[in-house]
Amino acid sequence: MNLLEASLNGRGSNLTYPAGDPEIFEILMRIRERMGHSSLATTERYLKYSRRGEYEQGVQVDYEGFLREIAGMEVL
């Protein structure tokens, strides 16, 4: 994930990529090789899973803040 983000520096935080982009394909192939995957699809599943975990963590933090707010507790 870090290698992909570093390679996409300047493209924003959205890790979606256009189909057929040769630069992105090359990055993904290097990541696939480093992870030891025989299939690029496996690498892409790992990257999507990692991104999903970040999203879910953000939702959890927001929900906890909401609960503190309605309970009248100080929001951290």
N, C-alpha and C. Protein backbone atom coordinates (compact mmCIF):
# COMPACT_ATOMS: atom_id res chain seq x y z
N MET A 1 0.83 -1.18 0.00
CA MET A 1 0.00 0.00 0.00
C MET A 1 0.88 1.25 0.00
N ASN A 2 1.91 1.25 0.83
CA ASN A 2 2.81 2.40 0.90
C ASN A 2 3.52 2.63 -0.43
N LEU A 3 3.94 1.55 -1.07
CA LEU A 3 4.62 1.68 -2.36
C LEU A 3 3.68 2.28 -3.40
N LEU A 4 2.43 1.85 -3.40
CA LEU A 4 1.46 2.39 -4.36
C LEU A 4 1.23 3.87 -4.10
N GLU A 5 1.01 4.24 -2.84
CA GLU A 5 0.78 5.64 -2.51
C GLU A 5 1.99 6.51 -2.87
N ALA A 6 3.18 6.01 -2.58
CA ALA A 6 4.39 6.77 -2.91
C ALA A 6 4.54 6.92 -4.43
N SER A 7 4.20 5.88 -5.15
CA SER A 7 4.32 5.92 -6.60
C SER A 7 3.29 6.84 -7.23
N LEU A 8 2.14 6.99 -6.57
CA LEU A 8 1.08 7.84 -7.09
C LEU A 8 1.17 9.26 -6.54
N ASN A 9 2.28 9.60 -5.90
CA ASN A 9 2.47 10.92 -5.33
C ASN A 9 2.11 11.99 -6.35
N GLY A 10 1.26 12.92 -5.93
CA GLY A 10 0.83 13.98 -6.81
C GLY A 10 -0.46 13.69 -7.55
N ARG A 11 -0.95 12.47 -7.43
CA ARG A 11 -2.21 12.12 -8.09
C ARG A 11 -3.39 12.20 -7.14
N GLY A 12 -3.15 12.60 -5.90
CA GLY A 12 -4.22 12.66 -4.92
C GLY A 12 -4.30 11.38 -4.12
N SER A 13 -5.20 11.36 -3.15
CA SER A 13 -5.29 10.21 -2.26
C SER A 13 -6.22 9.13 -2.79
N ASN A 14 -6.94 9.39 -3.87
CA ASN A 14 -7.83 8.39 -4.44
C ASN A 14 -6.98 7.36 -5.18
N LEU A 15 -7.05 6.12 -4.74
CA LEU A 15 -6.20 5.10 -5.32
C LEU A 15 -6.86 4.36 -6.48
N THR A 16 -7.96 4.89 -7.00
CA THR A 16 -8.52 4.30 -8.20
C THR A 16 -7.63 4.70 -9.36
N TYR A 17 -7.58 3.89 -10.36
CA TYR A 17 -6.71 4.18 -11.48
C TYR A 17 -7.42 3.83 -12.78
N PRO A 18 -7.14 4.58 -13.82
CA PRO A 18 -7.80 4.32 -15.10
C PRO A 18 -7.33 3.00 -15.70
N ALA A 19 -8.28 2.26 -16.24
CA ALA A 19 -7.92 1.00 -16.90
C ALA A 19 -6.98 1.27 -18.05
N GLY A 20 -5.96 0.46 -18.15
CA GLY A 20 -5.03 0.58 -19.26
C GLY A 20 -3.92 1.60 -19.08
N ASP A 21 -3.83 2.22 -17.90
CA ASP A 21 -2.75 3.19 -17.65
C ASP A 21 -1.45 2.40 -17.48
N PRO A 22 -0.52 2.51 -18.44
CA PRO A 22 0.70 1.69 -18.37
C PRO A 22 1.56 1.99 -17.15
N GLU A 23 1.58 3.23 -16.69
CA GLU A 23 2.38 3.57 -15.52
C GLU A 23 1.83 2.87 -14.27
N ILE A 24 0.52 2.92 -14.10
CA ILE A 24 -0.11 2.27 -12.95
C ILE A 24 0.07 0.76 -13.03
N PHE A 25 -0.08 0.21 -14.23
CA PHE A 25 0.11 -1.23 -14.42
C PHE A 25 1.51 -1.64 -13.98
N GLU A 26 2.52 -0.88 -14.37
CA GLU A 26 3.91 -1.18 -14.00
C GLU A 26 4.09 -1.15 -12.48
N ILE A 27 3.49 -0.16 -11.84
CA ILE A 27 3.56 -0.06 -10.37
C ILE A 27 2.93 -1.29 -9.73
N LEU A 28 1.74 -1.64 -10.21
CA LEU A 28 1.05 -2.81 -9.66
C LEU A 28 1.84 -4.09 -9.88
N MET A 29 2.50 -4.21 -11.02
CA MET A 29 3.32 -5.41 -11.27
C MET A 29 4.51 -5.48 -10.32
N ARG A 30 5.12 -4.32 -10.01
CA ARG A 30 6.22 -4.32 -9.03
C ARG A 30 5.71 -4.72 -7.65
N ILE A 31 4.54 -4.22 -7.28
CA ILE A 31 3.96 -4.57 -5.98
C ILE A 31 3.64 -6.06 -5.95
N ARG A 32 3.05 -6.57 -7.03
CA ARG A 32 2.72 -7.99 -7.12
C ARG A 32 3.96 -8.85 -6.91
N GLU A 33 5.05 -8.45 -7.56
CA GLU A 33 6.30 -9.20 -7.45
C GLU A 33 6.84 -9.17 -6.02
N ARG A 34 6.84 -7.99 -5.42
CA ARG A 34 7.35 -7.85 -4.04
C ARG A 34 6.53 -8.65 -3.04
N MET A 35 5.21 -8.76 -3.30
CA MET A 35 4.34 -9.50 -2.39
C MET A 35 4.38 -11.00 -2.67
N GLY A 36 4.99 -11.37 -3.79
CA GLY A 36 5.12 -12.79 -4.13
C GLY A 36 3.85 -13.40 -4.68
N HIS A 37 2.98 -12.59 -5.26
CA HIS A 37 1.73 -13.10 -5.82
C HIS A 37 1.95 -13.53 -7.26
N SER A 38 1.35 -14.63 -7.64
CA SER A 38 1.42 -15.05 -9.04
C SER A 38 0.36 -14.33 -9.87
N SER A 39 -0.68 -13.85 -9.21
CA SER A 39 -1.77 -13.18 -9.91
C SER A 39 -1.90 -11.73 -9.47
N LEU A 40 -2.06 -10.84 -10.44
CA LEU A 40 -2.27 -9.43 -10.14
C LEU A 40 -3.61 -9.23 -9.41
N ALA A 41 -4.58 -10.08 -9.70
CA ALA A 41 -5.89 -9.98 -9.03
C ALA A 41 -5.74 -10.14 -7.52
N THR A 42 -4.84 -11.02 -7.09
CA THR A 42 -4.60 -11.20 -5.65
C THR A 42 -4.04 -9.93 -5.04
N THR A 43 -3.10 -9.31 -5.71
CA THR A 43 -2.51 -8.06 -5.23
C THR A 43 -3.56 -6.98 -5.12
N GLU A 44 -4.40 -6.87 -6.14
CA GLU A 44 -5.45 -5.85 -6.12
C GLU A 44 -6.43 -6.08 -4.99
N ARG A 45 -6.73 -7.34 -4.68
CA ARG A 45 -7.63 -7.63 -3.54
C ARG A 45 -7.00 -7.16 -2.23
N TYR A 46 -5.71 -7.39 -2.05
CA TYR A 46 -5.02 -6.91 -0.85
C TYR A 46 -5.10 -5.40 -0.74
N LEU A 47 -4.85 -4.70 -1.83
CA LEU A 47 -4.88 -3.24 -1.82
C LEU A 47 -6.28 -2.72 -1.52
N LYS A 48 -7.30 -3.34 -2.09
CA LYS A 48 -8.68 -2.93 -1.82
C LYS A 48 -9.06 -3.22 -0.37
N TYR A 49 -8.60 -4.36 0.16
CA TYR A 49 -8.90 -4.70 1.55
C TYR A 49 -8.28 -3.68 2.50
N SER A 50 -7.05 -3.30 2.24
CA SER A 50 -6.37 -2.31 3.08
C SER A 50 -7.11 -0.98 3.06
N ARG A 51 -7.53 -0.56 1.88
CA ARG A 51 -8.24 0.71 1.73
C ARG A 51 -9.59 0.66 2.45
N ARG A 52 -10.25 -0.48 2.36
CA ARG A 52 -11.55 -0.66 3.03
C ARG A 52 -11.39 -0.56 4.54
N GLY A 53 -10.31 -1.12 5.07
CA GLY A 53 -10.06 -1.04 6.51
C GLY A 53 -9.88 0.39 6.98
N GLU A 54 -9.20 1.21 6.17
CA GLU A 54 -9.02 2.62 6.50
C GLU A 54 -10.37 3.33 6.54
N TYR A 55 -11.22 3.02 5.58
CA TYR A 55 -12.55 3.63 5.52
C TYR A 55 -13.37 3.25 6.75
N GLU A 56 -13.36 1.95 7.08
CA GLU A 56 -14.14 1.47 8.22
C GLU A 56 -13.64 2.08 9.53
N GLN A 57 -12.35 2.26 9.67
CA GLN A 57 -11.80 2.88 10.87
C GLN A 57 -12.30 4.32 10.99
N GLY A 58 -12.35 5.04 9.88
CA GLY A 58 -12.85 6.41 9.89
C GLY A 58 -14.31 6.47 10.29
N VAL A 59 -15.10 5.53 9.79
CA VAL A 59 -16.52 5.47 10.15
C VAL A 59 -16.66 5.21 11.64
N GLN A 60 -15.85 4.33 12.19
CA GLN A 60 -15.90 4.01 13.62
C GLN A 60 -15.58 5.24 14.46
N VAL A 61 -14.56 5.96 14.09
CA VAL A 61 -14.17 7.17 14.83
C VAL A 61 -15.29 8.20 14.79
N ASP A 62 -15.89 8.38 13.63
CA ASP A 62 -17.01 9.33 13.50
C ASP A 62 -18.19 8.91 14.35
N TYR A 63 -18.51 7.64 14.36
CA TYR A 63 -19.64 7.14 15.14
C TYR A 63 -19.39 7.32 16.63
N GLU A 64 -18.19 7.02 17.08
CA GLU A 64 -17.87 7.20 18.50
C GLU A 64 -17.98 8.67 18.89
N GLY A 65 -17.55 9.58 18.03
CA GLY A 65 -17.69 11.00 18.29
C GLY A 65 -19.15 11.40 18.38
N PHE A 66 -19.98 10.85 17.51
CA PHE A 66 -21.41 11.12 17.53
C PHE A 66 -22.03 10.64 18.85
N LEU A 67 -21.65 9.44 19.29
CA LEU A 67 -22.18 8.92 20.55
C LEU A 67 -21.77 9.79 21.73
N ARG A 68 -20.52 10.25 21.73
CA ARG A 68 -20.07 11.13 22.81
C ARG A 68 -20.88 12.44 22.80
N GLU A 69 -21.12 12.94 21.61
CA GLU A 69 -21.85 14.19 21.48
C GLU A 69 -23.29 14.08 22.00
N ILE A 70 -23.98 13.02 21.65
CA ILE A 70 -25.36 12.88 22.11
C ILE A 70 -25.43 12.49 23.59
N ALA A 71 -24.36 11.95 24.13
CA ALA A 71 -24.32 11.60 25.55
C ALA A 71 -23.87 12.80 26.39
N GLY A 72 -23.52 13.90 25.70
CA GLY A 72 -23.09 15.10 26.43
C GLY A 72 -21.67 15.04 26.93
N MET A 73 -20.87 14.12 26.35
CA MET A 73 -19.47 14.00 26.76
C MET A 73 -18.62 14.89 25.88
N GLU A 74 -17.47 15.23 26.40
CA GLU A 74 -16.52 16.03 25.64
C GLU A 74 -15.98 15.21 24.48
N VAL A 75 -15.98 15.79 23.29
CA VAL A 75 -15.44 15.11 22.11
C VAL A 75 -13.94 15.32 22.09
N LEU A 76 -13.20 14.22 21.92
CA LEU A 76 -11.74 14.29 21.93
C LEU A 76 -11.20 14.77 20.64
